[in-house]
Structures are given as structure tokens and as C-alpha cells.
Amino acid sequence: MRFCSALSWAEGSGVSIITWGGGNLPRPIGVRRGRVITDFLEVSDLPTPSTAQERAAIAFYREGISLDNPFYAFLSLFKVIGALVPKGKRREAWITDASERLDDHRAKERRDELKSQGTNVSAYLWDECRNAIAHAERDPYVNPDEVDDHFRLSRDLPLLRNLAELAVEEYTT
């Protein structure tokens, strides 16, 4: 599993485990989905996390970019940041600072859109996204049957993915 997570990070693509198998010969199992093919795998590009938090962050990243569900993908990507920057006030300040260093054009567009509406990006990601997904007993909360919630979180994913990538780059050895 750690190799799958490291490979996902290095290739910037999701890796889904379809099933577990065993035996003496490799056999194709399950449904074929999208694939990533690389001409060359540079093992020096594979992350070598040294702590449990760093290993978990890489695993959460793999999970987040592999999921088709924007609600669970968002939670997994937010866990990347949470694993590496666990203290709330420090995490909030880090997100505010890191949001100015984004390098993905879709992430920058979403950040700029939120800021143009007078939205504090860090507070928005925490309150209106992360907490709204995780806590149905609070207001605001998101509803998987609401198309607007699905669409909004889908637009937020590139922003959160880029922040998660920055956190991995900055906090893993």
C-alpha cells in the first residue's frame, strides 16, 4: 500500500486497489479503469516519508485523488494537511499563506473567485467544506443529493489538492 501511495504521488494520479489476490502468477482481476502509463519511473521521485504522519499524508493524498466522490475526496485531501499541520491555528495560518503560493491554474482561479467574494479561504475550507461534509448535525452542512453542493465541492477540489501537494512538499522529508 505504501508503494501505491508513493507511486500515486510521483505520477500525480490516483491508484485504486480493486481487489487483493495471491498466488504464483499475476492475473488481471476486476474492471479496467483509467490507466497511467509512464515510459520511465524515476525512483528518486518516490517520496520517502520518515514519520507515521508523513506516511499517512501520502496515503490520504492517494485516496483523495483516487476517489470519484467529491465529498470523500475533499475529506481525504484535507486530512493530508491535518496530518502534517495538526494544530488548528497554525493550520489556518499555513493555509492562508500557502494559498498565495498555489501553482495550479484551476486552484488559483478558485482562490481568486472566493477572495473576490470577500471569503476568507482558510475559514471557508474549514467551515463550509470540511466541517460541512463531516458534520450533518451542524449548520452549514452539505447534502450529497444537492447538485449545488456536489458542484461547489467539485470546484473546490483543485484548490484543496494544490494545498495538499504544497503541504507534502514542505513537510515531508
N, C-alpha and C. Protein backbone atom coordinates (compact mmCIF):
# COMPACT_ATOMS: atom_id res chain seq x y z
N MET A 1 0.82 -1.19 0.00
CA MET A 1 0.00 0.00 0.00
C MET A 1 0.88 1.27 0.00
N ARG A 2 1.98 1.23 0.76
CA ARG A 2 2.84 2.41 0.76
C ARG A 2 3.44 2.66 -0.61
N PHE A 3 3.78 1.60 -1.32
CA PHE A 3 4.29 1.78 -2.68
C PHE A 3 3.22 2.39 -3.57
N CYS A 4 1.98 1.94 -3.45
CA CYS A 4 0.89 2.51 -4.26
C CYS A 4 0.73 4.00 -3.96
N SER A 5 0.82 4.36 -2.69
CA SER A 5 0.71 5.78 -2.32
C SER A 5 1.88 6.58 -2.87
N ALA A 6 3.09 6.04 -2.76
CA ALA A 6 4.27 6.73 -3.29
C ALA A 6 4.18 6.88 -4.80
N LEU A 7 3.72 5.83 -5.48
CA LEU A 7 3.56 5.88 -6.93
C LEU A 7 2.50 6.91 -7.32
N SER A 8 1.42 6.96 -6.59
CA SER A 8 0.37 7.94 -6.85
C SER A 8 0.93 9.36 -6.74
N TRP A 9 1.73 9.60 -5.71
CA TRP A 9 2.34 10.91 -5.52
C TRP A 9 3.28 11.24 -6.68
N ALA A 10 4.15 10.31 -7.00
CA ALA A 10 5.16 10.55 -8.04
C ALA A 10 4.53 10.79 -9.40
N GLU A 11 3.45 10.09 -9.71
CA GLU A 11 2.80 10.22 -11.01
C GLU A 11 1.69 11.26 -11.01
N GLY A 12 1.29 11.74 -9.83
CA GLY A 12 0.20 12.72 -9.76
C GLY A 12 -1.13 12.16 -10.23
N SER A 13 -1.31 10.88 -10.03
CA SER A 13 -2.52 10.21 -10.50
C SER A 13 -3.01 9.25 -9.43
N GLY A 14 -4.31 9.04 -9.39
CA GLY A 14 -4.88 8.13 -8.42
C GLY A 14 -4.48 6.69 -8.67
N VAL A 15 -4.48 5.93 -7.61
CA VAL A 15 -4.25 4.49 -7.68
C VAL A 15 -5.35 3.85 -6.84
N SER A 16 -6.16 3.05 -7.47
CA SER A 16 -7.24 2.37 -6.77
C SER A 16 -6.92 0.89 -6.64
N ILE A 17 -7.06 0.37 -5.45
CA ILE A 17 -6.89 -1.05 -5.21
C ILE A 17 -8.26 -1.69 -5.45
N ILE A 18 -8.36 -2.50 -6.48
CA ILE A 18 -9.64 -3.11 -6.83
C ILE A 18 -9.91 -4.34 -5.98
N THR A 19 -8.91 -5.16 -5.79
CA THR A 19 -9.08 -6.38 -5.02
C THR A 19 -7.71 -6.88 -4.58
N TRP A 20 -7.72 -7.79 -3.65
CA TRP A 20 -6.49 -8.43 -3.19
C TRP A 20 -6.46 -9.83 -3.76
N GLY A 21 -5.32 -10.27 -4.13
CA GLY A 21 -5.18 -11.61 -4.68
C GLY A 21 -3.87 -12.22 -4.24
N GLY A 22 -3.66 -13.44 -4.65
CA GLY A 22 -2.43 -14.11 -4.29
C GLY A 22 -2.15 -15.21 -5.30
N GLY A 23 -1.11 -15.90 -5.09
CA GLY A 23 -0.75 -16.99 -5.98
C GLY A 23 0.60 -16.77 -6.61
N ASN A 24 0.93 -17.67 -7.52
CA ASN A 24 2.26 -17.63 -8.09
C ASN A 24 2.33 -16.89 -9.42
N LEU A 25 1.20 -16.57 -10.05
CA LEU A 25 1.21 -15.87 -11.33
C LEU A 25 0.33 -14.63 -11.26
N PRO A 26 0.76 -13.53 -11.87
CA PRO A 26 -0.12 -12.36 -11.89
C PRO A 26 -1.32 -12.62 -12.80
N ARG A 27 -2.49 -12.23 -12.34
CA ARG A 27 -3.71 -12.42 -13.12
C ARG A 27 -4.51 -11.12 -13.09
N PRO A 28 -5.02 -10.69 -14.22
CA PRO A 28 -5.87 -9.50 -14.21
C PRO A 28 -7.18 -9.81 -13.51
N ILE A 29 -7.60 -8.90 -12.64
CA ILE A 29 -8.82 -9.09 -11.87
C ILE A 29 -9.62 -7.80 -11.94
N GLY A 30 -10.91 -7.91 -12.07
CA GLY A 30 -11.78 -6.76 -11.93
C GLY A 30 -11.97 -5.97 -13.19
N VAL A 31 -12.51 -4.80 -12.99
CA VAL A 31 -12.87 -3.91 -14.10
C VAL A 31 -11.69 -3.02 -14.42
N ARG A 32 -11.41 -2.87 -15.69
CA ARG A 32 -10.32 -1.98 -16.10
C ARG A 32 -10.84 -0.55 -16.11
N ARG A 33 -10.10 0.32 -15.46
CA ARG A 33 -10.45 1.74 -15.41
C ARG A 33 -9.33 2.52 -16.06
N GLY A 34 -9.38 3.85 -15.93
CA GLY A 34 -8.33 4.68 -16.49
C GLY A 34 -6.96 4.24 -16.01
N ARG A 35 -5.99 4.40 -16.86
CA ARG A 35 -4.64 3.96 -16.53
C ARG A 35 -3.65 5.09 -16.75
N VAL A 36 -2.57 5.00 -16.05
CA VAL A 36 -1.45 5.89 -16.29
C VAL A 36 -0.30 5.01 -16.75
N ILE A 37 0.28 5.38 -17.84
CA ILE A 37 1.43 4.65 -18.36
C ILE A 37 2.60 5.61 -18.38
N THR A 38 3.71 5.17 -17.86
CA THR A 38 4.88 6.02 -17.84
C THR A 38 6.02 5.30 -18.57
N ASP A 39 6.77 6.05 -19.35
CA ASP A 39 7.90 5.47 -20.05
C ASP A 39 9.04 5.13 -19.11
N PHE A 40 9.13 5.90 -18.03
CA PHE A 40 10.25 5.73 -17.13
C PHE A 40 9.82 6.14 -15.73
N LEU A 41 10.11 5.33 -14.77
CA LEU A 41 9.80 5.64 -13.39
C LEU A 41 11.11 5.94 -12.67
N GLU A 42 11.24 7.18 -12.28
CA GLU A 42 12.43 7.60 -11.55
C GLU A 42 12.18 7.38 -10.07
N VAL A 43 12.84 6.39 -9.49
CA VAL A 43 12.59 6.05 -8.10
C VAL A 43 13.00 7.17 -7.14
N SER A 44 13.88 8.05 -7.57
CA SER A 44 14.23 9.17 -6.70
C SER A 44 13.07 10.14 -6.55
N ASP A 45 12.06 10.05 -7.43
CA ASP A 45 10.87 10.89 -7.30
C ASP A 45 9.88 10.34 -6.29
N LEU A 46 10.06 9.09 -5.89
CA LEU A 46 9.16 8.50 -4.92
C LEU A 46 9.44 9.10 -3.55
N PRO A 47 8.39 9.48 -2.83
CA PRO A 47 8.62 10.06 -1.50
C PRO A 47 9.13 9.00 -0.53
N THR A 48 9.89 9.43 0.43
CA THR A 48 10.38 8.54 1.48
C THR A 48 10.02 9.15 2.83
N PRO A 49 8.75 9.12 3.17
CA PRO A 49 8.34 9.71 4.45
C PRO A 49 8.97 8.98 5.62
N SER A 50 9.33 9.75 6.64
CA SER A 50 10.06 9.15 7.76
C SER A 50 9.22 9.03 9.02
N THR A 51 8.04 9.63 9.06
CA THR A 51 7.20 9.54 10.25
C THR A 51 5.85 8.96 9.88
N ALA A 52 5.12 8.52 10.89
CA ALA A 52 3.78 7.98 10.65
C ALA A 52 2.86 9.04 10.05
N GLN A 53 3.00 10.29 10.49
CA GLN A 53 2.17 11.37 9.95
C GLN A 53 2.47 11.61 8.48
N GLU A 54 3.74 11.57 8.11
CA GLU A 54 4.12 11.76 6.71
C GLU A 54 3.60 10.61 5.85
N ARG A 55 3.72 9.38 6.34
CA ARG A 55 3.20 8.23 5.59
C ARG A 55 1.69 8.34 5.43
N ALA A 56 1.00 8.74 6.49
CA ALA A 56 -0.45 8.90 6.42
C ALA A 56 -0.83 9.99 5.42
N ALA A 57 -0.08 11.09 5.41
CA ALA A 57 -0.39 12.19 4.48
C ALA A 57 -0.30 11.73 3.03
N ILE A 58 0.73 10.96 2.71
CA ILE A 58 0.88 10.44 1.34
C ILE A 58 -0.28 9.48 1.02
N ALA A 59 -0.68 8.66 1.98
CA ALA A 59 -1.80 7.73 1.78
C ALA A 59 -3.11 8.50 1.60
N PHE A 60 -3.34 9.53 2.41
CA PHE A 60 -4.55 10.34 2.25
C PHE A 60 -4.57 11.04 0.89
N TYR A 61 -3.40 11.47 0.42
CA TYR A 61 -3.31 12.10 -0.91
C TYR A 61 -3.75 11.10 -1.98
N ARG A 62 -3.18 9.88 -1.93
CA ARG A 62 -3.56 8.85 -2.91
C ARG A 62 -5.06 8.61 -2.87
N GLU A 63 -5.58 8.46 -1.67
CA GLU A 63 -7.01 8.21 -1.54
C GLU A 63 -7.83 9.37 -2.10
N GLY A 64 -7.44 10.59 -1.77
CA GLY A 64 -8.19 11.76 -2.21
C GLY A 64 -8.25 11.93 -3.71
N ILE A 65 -7.13 11.69 -4.39
CA ILE A 65 -7.14 11.89 -5.84
C ILE A 65 -7.65 10.66 -6.58
N SER A 66 -7.87 9.56 -5.85
CA SER A 66 -8.38 8.34 -6.48
C SER A 66 -9.90 8.24 -6.41
N LEU A 67 -10.52 8.97 -5.52
CA LEU A 67 -11.96 8.85 -5.31
C LEU A 67 -12.75 9.63 -6.35
N ASP A 68 -13.88 9.08 -6.74
CA ASP A 68 -14.79 9.76 -7.66
C ASP A 68 -15.81 10.62 -6.92
N ASN A 69 -15.91 10.47 -5.62
CA ASN A 69 -16.88 11.19 -4.81
C ASN A 69 -16.22 12.47 -4.27
N PRO A 70 -16.71 13.66 -4.66
CA PRO A 70 -16.04 14.89 -4.22
C PRO A 70 -16.11 15.12 -2.71
N PHE A 71 -17.12 14.60 -2.05
CA PHE A 71 -17.25 14.78 -0.61
C PHE A 71 -16.12 14.04 0.12
N TYR A 72 -15.96 12.76 -0.18
CA TYR A 72 -14.91 11.97 0.47
C TYR A 72 -13.52 12.34 -0.04
N ALA A 73 -13.43 12.72 -1.30
CA ALA A 73 -12.14 13.18 -1.82
C ALA A 73 -11.69 14.43 -1.07
N PHE A 74 -12.62 15.35 -0.83
CA PHE A 74 -12.29 16.57 -0.10
C PHE A 74 -11.78 16.23 1.30
N LEU A 75 -12.50 15.34 2.02
CA LEU A 75 -12.06 14.98 3.37
C LEU A 75 -10.67 14.36 3.36
N SER A 76 -10.40 13.48 2.41
CA SER A 76 -9.09 12.84 2.35
C SER A 76 -7.99 13.86 2.08
N LEU A 77 -8.23 14.78 1.16
CA LEU A 77 -7.22 15.80 0.86
C LEU A 77 -7.03 16.75 2.03
N PHE A 78 -8.10 17.05 2.76
CA PHE A 78 -7.94 17.90 3.94
C PHE A 78 -7.14 17.17 5.02
N LYS A 79 -7.29 15.84 5.09
CA LYS A 79 -6.52 15.05 6.06
C LYS A 79 -5.02 15.13 5.77
N VAL A 80 -4.65 15.33 4.52
CA VAL A 80 -3.23 15.49 4.20
C VAL A 80 -2.68 16.67 4.99
N ILE A 81 -3.37 17.78 4.91
CA ILE A 81 -2.93 18.99 5.61
C ILE A 81 -3.02 18.77 7.12
N GLY A 82 -4.11 18.16 7.58
CA GLY A 82 -4.28 17.91 9.01
C GLY A 82 -3.20 17.02 9.59
N ALA A 83 -2.76 16.01 8.83
CA ALA A 83 -1.71 15.12 9.32
C ALA A 83 -0.38 15.84 9.44
N LEU A 84 -0.14 16.80 8.56
CA LEU A 84 1.16 17.48 8.54
C LEU A 84 1.18 18.79 9.34
N VAL A 85 0.01 19.42 9.46
CA VAL A 85 -0.12 20.67 10.23
C VAL A 85 -1.30 20.48 11.18
N PRO A 86 -1.10 19.73 12.27
CA PRO A 86 -2.23 19.30 13.10
C PRO A 86 -2.86 20.39 13.98
N LYS A 87 -2.14 21.42 14.33
CA LYS A 87 -2.68 22.45 15.22
C LYS A 87 -3.56 23.42 14.44
N GLY A 88 -4.78 23.63 14.92
CA GLY A 88 -5.79 24.42 14.22
C GLY A 88 -5.35 25.82 13.81
N LYS A 89 -4.86 26.62 14.74
CA LYS A 89 -4.46 27.99 14.42
C LYS A 89 -3.26 28.02 13.48
N ARG A 90 -2.33 27.11 13.71
CA ARG A 90 -1.16 27.02 12.83
C ARG A 90 -1.58 26.57 11.43
N ARG A 91 -2.51 25.60 11.37
CA ARG A 91 -3.00 25.11 10.08
C ARG A 91 -3.73 26.23 9.33
N GLU A 92 -4.55 26.98 10.04
CA GLU A 92 -5.28 28.08 9.42
C GLU A 92 -4.31 29.11 8.83
N ALA A 93 -3.28 29.46 9.60
CA ALA A 93 -2.28 30.42 9.11
C ALA A 93 -1.51 29.83 7.93
N TRP A 94 -1.19 28.53 7.99
CA TRP A 94 -0.46 27.90 6.89
C TRP A 94 -1.30 27.94 5.61
N ILE A 95 -2.59 27.60 5.71
CA ILE A 95 -3.45 27.61 4.52
C ILE A 95 -3.54 29.01 3.94
N THR A 96 -3.67 30.01 4.80
CA THR A 96 -3.73 31.40 4.32
C THR A 96 -2.46 31.76 3.57
N ASP A 97 -1.31 31.41 4.14
CA ASP A 97 -0.03 31.69 3.49
C ASP A 97 0.15 30.86 2.22
N ALA A 98 -0.13 29.57 2.29
CA ALA A 98 0.08 28.68 1.15
C ALA A 98 -0.86 29.00 -0.01
N SER A 99 -2.02 29.54 0.29
CA SER A 99 -2.96 29.86 -0.80
C SER A 99 -2.40 30.94 -1.72
N GLU A 100 -1.41 31.67 -1.25
CA GLU A 100 -0.75 32.68 -2.10
C GLU A 100 0.39 32.07 -2.92
N ARG A 101 0.72 30.81 -2.66
CA ARG A 101 1.81 30.14 -3.38
C ARG A 101 1.32 29.02 -4.29
N LEU A 102 0.04 29.00 -4.58
CA LEU A 102 -0.52 27.95 -5.44
C LEU A 102 0.15 27.99 -6.80
N ASP A 103 0.29 26.80 -7.42
CA ASP A 103 0.91 26.77 -8.75
C ASP A 103 0.04 26.06 -9.79
N ASP A 104 -1.18 25.71 -9.43
CA ASP A 104 -2.12 25.12 -10.37
C ASP A 104 -3.13 26.19 -10.79
N HIS A 105 -3.33 26.37 -12.09
CA HIS A 105 -4.18 27.46 -12.56
C HIS A 105 -5.62 27.32 -12.09
N ARG A 106 -6.15 26.09 -12.01
CA ARG A 106 -7.52 25.91 -11.53
C ARG A 106 -7.64 26.26 -10.05
N ALA A 107 -6.61 25.93 -9.28
CA ALA A 107 -6.59 26.27 -7.86
C ALA A 107 -6.55 27.78 -7.68
N LYS A 108 -5.72 28.45 -8.47
CA LYS A 108 -5.63 29.92 -8.38
C LYS A 108 -6.95 30.58 -8.77
N GLU A 109 -7.57 30.06 -9.82
CA GLU A 109 -8.86 30.62 -10.25
C GLU A 109 -9.90 30.51 -9.14
N ARG A 110 -9.97 29.34 -8.49
CA ARG A 110 -10.96 29.15 -7.41
C ARG A 110 -10.62 30.03 -6.22
N ARG A 111 -9.34 30.12 -5.86
CA ARG A 111 -8.93 31.01 -4.77
C ARG A 111 -9.33 32.44 -5.06
N ASP A 112 -9.04 32.90 -6.29
CA ASP A 112 -9.35 34.28 -6.66
C ASP A 112 -10.86 34.52 -6.67
N GLU A 113 -11.61 33.53 -7.12
CA GLU A 113 -13.07 33.65 -7.12
C GLU A 113 -13.59 33.82 -5.68
N LEU A 114 -13.10 32.99 -4.78
CA LEU A 114 -13.52 33.08 -3.38
C LEU A 114 -13.12 34.42 -2.77
N LYS A 115 -11.88 34.84 -3.03
CA LYS A 115 -11.41 36.11 -2.46
C LYS A 115 -12.19 37.30 -3.02
N SER A 116 -12.59 37.23 -4.29
CA SER A 116 -13.36 38.33 -4.89
C SER A 116 -14.74 38.47 -4.25
N GLN A 117 -15.21 37.39 -3.62
CA GLN A 117 -16.49 37.41 -2.91
C GLN A 117 -16.30 37.83 -1.45
N GLY A 118 -15.07 38.17 -1.08
CA GLY A 118 -14.77 38.57 0.29
C GLY A 118 -14.65 37.39 1.25
N THR A 119 -14.37 36.22 0.72
CA THR A 119 -14.29 34.99 1.52
C THR A 119 -12.88 34.76 2.03
N ASN A 120 -12.77 34.46 3.31
CA ASN A 120 -11.51 34.01 3.89
C ASN A 120 -11.33 32.55 3.47
N VAL A 121 -10.36 32.27 2.62
CA VAL A 121 -10.21 30.95 2.02
C VAL A 121 -10.00 29.87 3.08
N SER A 122 -9.15 30.12 4.05
CA SER A 122 -8.88 29.13 5.09
C SER A 122 -10.14 28.81 5.89
N ALA A 123 -10.85 29.83 6.32
CA ALA A 123 -12.08 29.62 7.09
C ALA A 123 -13.14 28.92 6.25
N TYR A 124 -13.24 29.29 4.98
CA TYR A 124 -14.20 28.66 4.07
C TYR A 124 -13.92 27.17 3.93
N LEU A 125 -12.66 26.81 3.70
CA LEU A 125 -12.31 25.40 3.53
C LEU A 125 -12.60 24.60 4.79
N TRP A 126 -12.42 25.23 5.95
CA TRP A 126 -12.67 24.54 7.21
C TRP A 126 -14.16 24.46 7.53
N ASP A 127 -14.85 25.60 7.52
CA ASP A 127 -16.24 25.65 7.98
C ASP A 127 -17.25 25.18 6.94
N GLU A 128 -17.15 25.73 5.74
CA GLU A 128 -18.18 25.47 4.73
C GLU A 128 -17.90 24.24 3.88
N CYS A 129 -16.71 23.70 4.05
CA CYS A 129 -16.38 22.48 3.29
C CYS A 129 -16.10 21.33 4.25
N ARG A 130 -14.95 21.33 4.90
CA ARG A 130 -14.55 20.20 5.73
C ARG A 130 -15.58 19.89 6.81
N ASN A 131 -15.93 20.86 7.64
CA ASN A 131 -16.90 20.62 8.71
C ASN A 131 -18.30 20.35 8.16
N ALA A 132 -18.65 21.02 7.09
CA ALA A 132 -19.98 20.82 6.49
C ALA A 132 -20.13 19.41 5.93
N ILE A 133 -19.04 18.81 5.46
CA ILE A 133 -19.08 17.43 4.98
C ILE A 133 -19.12 16.47 6.16
N ALA A 134 -18.30 16.71 7.15
CA ALA A 134 -18.12 15.77 8.25
C ALA A 134 -19.24 15.80 9.29
N HIS A 135 -19.96 16.91 9.40
CA HIS A 135 -20.93 17.07 10.50
C HIS A 135 -22.30 17.46 9.97
N ALA A 136 -23.18 16.49 9.84
CA ALA A 136 -24.55 16.76 9.37
C ALA A 136 -25.41 17.37 10.47
N GLU A 137 -24.96 17.30 11.72
CA GLU A 137 -25.74 17.86 12.82
C GLU A 137 -25.55 19.37 12.97
N ARG A 138 -24.60 19.92 12.24
CA ARG A 138 -24.32 21.36 12.32
C ARG A 138 -24.81 22.07 11.06
N ASP A 139 -24.89 23.36 11.19
CA ASP A 139 -25.21 24.18 10.02
C ASP A 139 -24.01 25.08 9.78
N PRO A 140 -23.44 25.19 8.62
CA PRO A 140 -23.90 24.58 7.38
C PRO A 140 -23.46 23.12 7.28
N TYR A 141 -24.21 22.36 6.50
CA TYR A 141 -23.81 21.00 6.15
C TYR A 141 -24.09 20.80 4.67
N VAL A 142 -23.43 19.82 4.09
CA VAL A 142 -23.66 19.52 2.68
C VAL A 142 -24.50 18.26 2.57
N ASN A 143 -25.26 18.20 1.50
CA ASN A 143 -26.15 17.09 1.25
C ASN A 143 -25.75 16.46 -0.07
N PRO A 144 -25.39 15.17 -0.08
CA PRO A 144 -24.98 14.53 -1.32
C PRO A 144 -26.04 14.54 -2.42
N ASP A 145 -27.30 14.74 -2.05
CA ASP A 145 -28.37 14.81 -3.05
C ASP A 145 -28.52 16.20 -3.66
N GLU A 146 -27.86 17.18 -3.09
CA GLU A 146 -27.95 18.55 -3.61
C GLU A 146 -26.89 18.76 -4.68
N VAL A 147 -27.32 19.01 -5.90
CA VAL A 147 -26.41 19.20 -7.02
C VAL A 147 -25.49 20.39 -6.77
N ASP A 148 -26.02 21.44 -6.16
CA ASP A 148 -25.19 22.63 -5.89
C ASP A 148 -24.02 22.30 -4.96
N ASP A 149 -24.27 21.48 -3.93
CA ASP A 149 -23.19 21.08 -3.03
C ASP A 149 -22.15 20.25 -3.77
N HIS A 150 -22.61 19.35 -4.58
CA HIS A 150 -21.71 18.49 -5.38
C HIS A 150 -20.87 19.35 -6.31
N PHE A 151 -21.51 20.27 -7.01
CA PHE A 151 -20.81 21.13 -7.97
C PHE A 151 -19.80 22.04 -7.26
N ARG A 152 -20.20 22.66 -6.15
CA ARG A 152 -19.31 23.58 -5.41
C ARG A 152 -18.08 22.85 -4.92
N LEU A 153 -18.25 21.68 -4.32
CA LEU A 153 -17.10 20.95 -3.81
C LEU A 153 -16.21 20.45 -4.95
N SER A 154 -16.80 20.12 -6.08
CA SER A 154 -16.00 19.72 -7.24
C SER A 154 -15.13 20.88 -7.70
N ARG A 155 -15.64 22.10 -7.61
CA ARG A 155 -14.85 23.28 -7.97
C ARG A 155 -13.78 23.58 -6.94
N ASP A 156 -14.01 23.18 -5.68
CA ASP A 156 -13.03 23.42 -4.61
C ASP A 156 -11.90 22.40 -4.60
N LEU A 157 -12.11 21.23 -5.20
CA LEU A 157 -11.10 20.17 -5.14
C LEU A 157 -9.74 20.56 -5.71
N PRO A 158 -9.65 21.24 -6.86
CA PRO A 158 -8.31 21.62 -7.34
C PRO A 158 -7.56 22.52 -6.36
N LEU A 159 -8.29 23.40 -5.69
CA LEU A 159 -7.69 24.28 -4.69
C LEU A 159 -7.14 23.46 -3.54
N LEU A 160 -7.95 22.57 -3.01
CA LEU A 160 -7.51 21.77 -1.87
C LEU A 160 -6.40 20.79 -2.28
N ARG A 161 -6.49 20.23 -3.48
CA ARG A 161 -5.43 19.32 -3.94
C ARG A 161 -4.10 20.04 -4.01
N ASN A 162 -4.09 21.24 -4.56
CA ASN A 162 -2.85 22.01 -4.67
C ASN A 162 -2.30 22.35 -3.28
N LEU A 163 -3.18 22.69 -2.33
CA LEU A 163 -2.73 22.95 -0.96
C LEU A 163 -2.15 21.69 -0.34
N ALA A 164 -2.79 20.54 -0.56
CA ALA A 164 -2.28 19.27 -0.04
C ALA A 164 -0.91 18.96 -0.61
N GLU A 165 -0.74 19.22 -1.91
CA GLU A 165 0.57 18.99 -2.54
C GLU A 165 1.64 19.89 -1.94
N LEU A 166 1.29 21.15 -1.70
CA LEU A 166 2.26 22.06 -1.08
C LEU A 166 2.62 21.58 0.32
N ALA A 167 1.63 21.09 1.06
CA ALA A 167 1.91 20.60 2.42
C ALA A 167 2.86 19.41 2.38
N VAL A 168 2.64 18.48 1.46
CA VAL A 168 3.54 17.32 1.34
C VAL A 168 4.94 17.78 0.97
N GLU A 169 5.02 18.68 0.01
CA GLU A 169 6.34 19.16 -0.42
C GLU A 169 7.08 19.87 0.71
N GLU A 170 6.37 20.60 1.55
CA GLU A 170 7.01 21.38 2.61
C GLU A 170 7.28 20.60 3.88
N TYR A 171 6.46 19.60 4.18
CA TYR A 171 6.53 18.96 5.50
C TYR A 171 7.01 17.53 5.49
N THR A 172 7.31 16.97 4.33
CA THR A 172 7.85 15.61 4.34
C THR A 172 9.32 15.65 3.97
N THR A 173 10.04 14.68 4.49
CA THR A 173 11.48 14.66 4.24
C THR A 173 11.81 13.75 3.08
